[in-house]
């Protein structure tokens, strides 16, 4: 399991950034995050299935599974907490095959998604659910870049600084939830 060191990473991510990470590592992400939830993912995969290009380039990118609330006056974004990653499991492997390098959500991922992470060198990061107001403070700018008609589920380009996440699933097949259950069973 991971040590106490906090890793600093800047997007876009490369394979070399990811293979050194282990489940349980604490990471601070800076740079650009893309957002996407169920409806946006469904549209992206429909385009791919139809042989069309995507409105975004996912190579080296991290998708944050979030549908932020509208910002209050003077704020960049409203509450921006993660949604359950497993809801994107049927879509994620196709995006990883195109070069997606990270996903941020909450909850466990399916075995096929975890296997795709190993194959395509992608990491699943966890963000703290229920802390959306706190997480929004790490977002410095937000703009809709695709599917504006989806409202909160539109794809956004977020610029973040020191966004706090933890590695749940690494490129080596390790899963923090499984490790935690094993450790608990031994106590």
Protein backbone atom coordinates (compact mmCIF):
# COMPACT_ATOMS: atom_id res chain seq x y z
CA UNK A 1 0.00 0.00 0.00
CA UNK A 2 0.95 3.58 -0.50
CA UNK A 3 3.10 5.74 1.70
CA UNK A 4 2.33 9.15 3.14
CA UNK A 5 3.95 11.13 0.32
CA UNK A 6 1.58 13.21 -1.80
CA UNK A 7 2.36 13.01 -5.52
CA UNK A 8 1.97 16.10 -7.70
CA UNK A 9 0.84 15.45 -11.28
CA UNK A 10 0.02 17.83 -14.10
CA UNK A 11 -2.25 16.91 -16.98
CA UNK A 12 -2.07 15.73 -19.67
CA UNK A 13 -0.79 12.47 -18.21
CA UNK A 14 1.64 10.04 -19.81
CA UNK A 15 2.19 6.34 -19.20
CA UNK A 16 5.33 7.16 -17.21
CA UNK A 17 3.25 9.27 -14.81
CA UNK A 18 0.89 6.38 -14.19
CA UNK A 19 3.01 3.23 -13.93
CA UNK A 20 4.73 4.56 -10.81
CA UNK A 21 1.39 5.07 -9.03
CA UNK A 22 -0.01 2.46 -6.68
CA UNK A 23 -3.48 1.99 -5.22
CA UNK A 24 -3.65 4.13 -2.11
CA UNK A 25 -1.29 6.85 -3.34
CA UNK A 26 -2.47 10.36 -2.58
CA UNK A 27 -2.21 12.68 -5.56
CA UNK A 28 -2.74 16.38 -6.24
CA UNK A 29 -3.74 17.02 -9.86
CA UNK A 30 -3.14 20.32 -11.62
CA UNK A 31 -3.94 21.30 -15.20
CA UNK A 32 -7.05 20.43 -17.18
CA UNK A 33 -9.76 17.95 -16.26
CA UNK A 34 -12.63 17.14 -18.59
CA UNK A 35 -16.03 16.43 -17.09
CA UNK A 36 -18.51 13.82 -18.20
CA UNK A 37 -21.34 11.79 -16.78
CA UNK A 38 -23.76 9.20 -18.14
CA UNK A 39 -25.51 11.27 -20.82
CA UNK A 40 -22.28 12.70 -22.24
CA UNK A 41 -20.60 9.29 -22.24
CA UNK A 42 -23.56 7.78 -24.03
CA UNK A 43 -23.26 10.41 -26.77
CA UNK A 44 -19.49 9.97 -27.09
CA UNK A 45 -19.77 6.20 -27.51
CA UNK A 46 -22.64 6.58 -30.01
CA UNK A 47 -20.34 8.75 -32.13
CA UNK A 48 -17.55 6.19 -31.93
CA UNK A 49 -19.93 3.36 -32.79
CA UNK A 50 -21.06 5.36 -35.85
CA UNK A 51 -17.45 5.83 -36.95
CA UNK A 52 -17.48 9.56 -36.21
CA UNK A 53 -14.93 11.67 -34.38
CA UNK A 54 -15.43 12.95 -30.86
CA UNK A 55 -15.93 16.63 -29.99
CA UNK A 56 -13.06 16.27 -27.48
CA UNK A 57 -9.60 14.73 -27.61
CA UNK A 58 -9.23 12.30 -24.69
CA UNK A 59 -5.54 11.46 -25.28
CA UNK A 60 -3.64 11.96 -22.04
CA UNK A 61 -6.71 13.42 -20.37
CA UNK A 62 -8.54 12.77 -17.12
CA UNK A 63 -12.34 12.71 -17.04
CA UNK A 64 -13.98 13.78 -13.80
CA UNK A 65 -17.37 12.17 -13.32
CA UNK A 66 -19.16 15.27 -12.09
CA UNK A 67 -22.26 17.29 -12.85
CA UNK A 68 -21.51 20.52 -11.02
CA UNK A 69 -24.25 22.70 -9.65
CA UNK A 70 -24.58 26.21 -11.08
CA UNK A 71 -22.14 28.73 -9.61
CA UNK A 72 -23.26 31.38 -7.17
CA UNK A 73 -22.46 34.98 -8.16
CA UNK A 74 -18.71 35.55 -8.13
CA UNK A 75 -17.86 31.84 -8.13
CA UNK A 76 -16.23 29.81 -10.91
CA UNK A 77 -18.41 26.74 -10.34
CA UNK A 78 -20.93 25.39 -7.89
CA UNK A 79 -20.58 22.27 -5.81
CA UNK A 80 -18.52 19.75 -7.78
CA UNK A 81 -18.55 16.37 -6.06
CA UNK A 82 -17.93 13.06 -7.82
CA UNK A 83 -20.59 10.68 -9.05
CA UNK A 84 -20.33 6.89 -9.02
CA UNK A 85 -17.70 5.70 -11.49
CA UNK A 86 -19.39 2.35 -12.08
CA UNK A 87 -22.13 4.16 -13.99
CA UNK A 88 -19.58 4.78 -16.76
CA UNK A 89 -18.24 1.20 -16.84
CA UNK A 90 -19.90 0.28 -20.13
CA UNK A 91 -18.30 3.30 -21.83
CA UNK A 92 -14.88 3.65 -20.21
CA UNK A 93 -12.90 0.91 -22.06
CA UNK A 94 -13.55 2.51 -25.46
CA UNK A 95 -12.30 5.86 -24.21
CA UNK A 96 -9.22 4.26 -22.66
CA UNK A 97 -8.46 2.64 -26.02
CA UNK A 98 -8.37 6.17 -27.46
CA UNK A 99 -5.79 7.29 -24.89
CA UNK A 100 -7.78 8.36 -21.82
CA UNK A 101 -5.32 8.21 -18.90
CA UNK A 102 -7.42 8.92 -15.85
CA UNK A 103 -10.92 8.92 -14.43
CA UNK A 104 -12.14 10.49 -11.19
CA UNK A 105 -15.23 9.28 -9.37
CA UNK A 106 -16.38 7.45 -6.30
CA UNK A 107 -17.09 3.77 -5.75
CA UNK A 108 -15.70 0.58 -7.24
CA UNK A 109 -15.19 -0.27 -10.91
CA UNK A 110 -15.98 -3.54 -12.69
CA UNK A 111 -13.36 -6.15 -13.48
CA UNK A 112 -13.52 -5.47 -17.28
CA UNK A 113 -12.81 -1.78 -16.62
CA UNK A 114 -9.93 -2.61 -14.29
CA UNK A 115 -8.48 -4.96 -16.92
CA UNK A 116 -8.79 -2.19 -19.53
CA UNK A 117 -6.91 0.14 -17.16
CA UNK A 118 -4.02 -2.31 -17.08
CA UNK A 119 -4.05 -2.81 -20.84
CA UNK A 120 -4.24 0.90 -21.72
CA UNK A 121 -2.29 2.36 -18.78
CA UNK A 122 -5.10 4.31 -17.15
CA UNK A 123 -5.78 5.06 -13.47
CA UNK A 124 -9.01 5.46 -11.54
CA UNK A 125 -8.79 8.17 -8.92
CA UNK A 126 -11.25 8.57 -6.10
CA UNK A 127 -12.50 11.94 -4.87
CA UNK A 128 -14.38 12.37 -1.62
CA UNK A 129 -18.12 12.10 -2.11
CA UNK A 130 -20.16 14.64 -0.18
CA UNK A 131 -17.35 17.20 -0.33
CA UNK A 132 -18.40 18.95 -3.55
CA UNK A 133 -18.30 22.45 -2.06
CA UNK A 134 -14.77 21.87 -0.81
CA UNK A 135 -13.61 20.29 -4.09
CA UNK A 136 -14.95 23.25 -6.08
CA UNK A 137 -12.34 25.47 -4.39
CA UNK A 138 -9.60 23.68 -6.35
CA UNK A 139 -11.28 24.54 -9.68
CA UNK A 140 -9.89 27.78 -11.09
CA UNK A 141 -11.96 27.99 -14.29
CA UNK A 142 -14.76 26.08 -15.98
CA UNK A 143 -16.15 26.28 -19.51
CA UNK A 144 -18.61 24.12 -21.42
CA UNK A 145 -16.91 22.60 -24.47
CA UNK A 146 -19.52 20.08 -25.69
CA UNK A 147 -23.18 19.13 -25.27
CA UNK A 148 -24.34 22.39 -23.68
CA UNK A 149 -27.93 21.13 -23.99
CA UNK A 150 -27.16 18.58 -21.24
CA UNK A 151 -26.97 21.33 -18.63
CA UNK A 152 -25.04 20.12 -15.59
CA UNK A 153 -24.05 17.00 -17.54
CA UNK A 154 -22.43 18.98 -20.38
CA UNK A 155 -18.75 18.30 -21.00
CA UNK A 156 -16.66 20.99 -19.35
CA UNK A 157 -13.02 21.92 -19.41
CA UNK A 158 -11.93 22.55 -15.83
CA UNK A 159 -8.61 24.09 -14.89
CA UNK A 160 -7.63 22.76 -11.48
CA UNK A 161 -4.82 23.38 -9.05
CA UNK A 162 -3.77 20.74 -6.51
CA UNK A 163 -7.08 18.86 -6.85
CA UNK A 164 -6.97 16.13 -4.14
CA UNK A 165 -7.53 12.52 -5.22
CA UNK A 166 -6.44 9.04 -4.19
CA UNK A 167 -5.52 6.18 -6.52
CA UNK A 168 -8.25 3.55 -6.28
CA UNK A 169 -7.21 1.33 -9.22
CA UNK A 170 -3.68 1.44 -10.60
CA UNK A 171 -2.14 0.20 -13.86
CA UNK A 172 -0.91 -2.97 -12.13
CA UNK A 173 -4.34 -4.36 -11.24
CA UNK A 174 -4.33 -3.26 -7.61
CA UNK A 175 -7.63 -2.08 -6.14
CA UNK A 176 -7.71 -0.01 -2.95
CA UNK A 177 -11.16 -1.31 -1.99
CA UNK A 178 -10.01 -4.94 -2.24
CA UNK A 179 -6.84 -4.16 -0.28
CA UNK A 180 -8.93 -2.48 2.42
CA UNK A 181 -11.27 -5.47 2.70
CA UNK A 182 -8.28 -7.85 3.00
CA UNK A 183 -6.69 -5.69 5.67
CA UNK A 184 -9.96 -5.46 7.60
CA UNK A 185 -10.43 -9.24 7.46
CA UNK A 186 -6.99 -9.75 9.02
CA UNK A 187 -7.70 -7.52 12.01
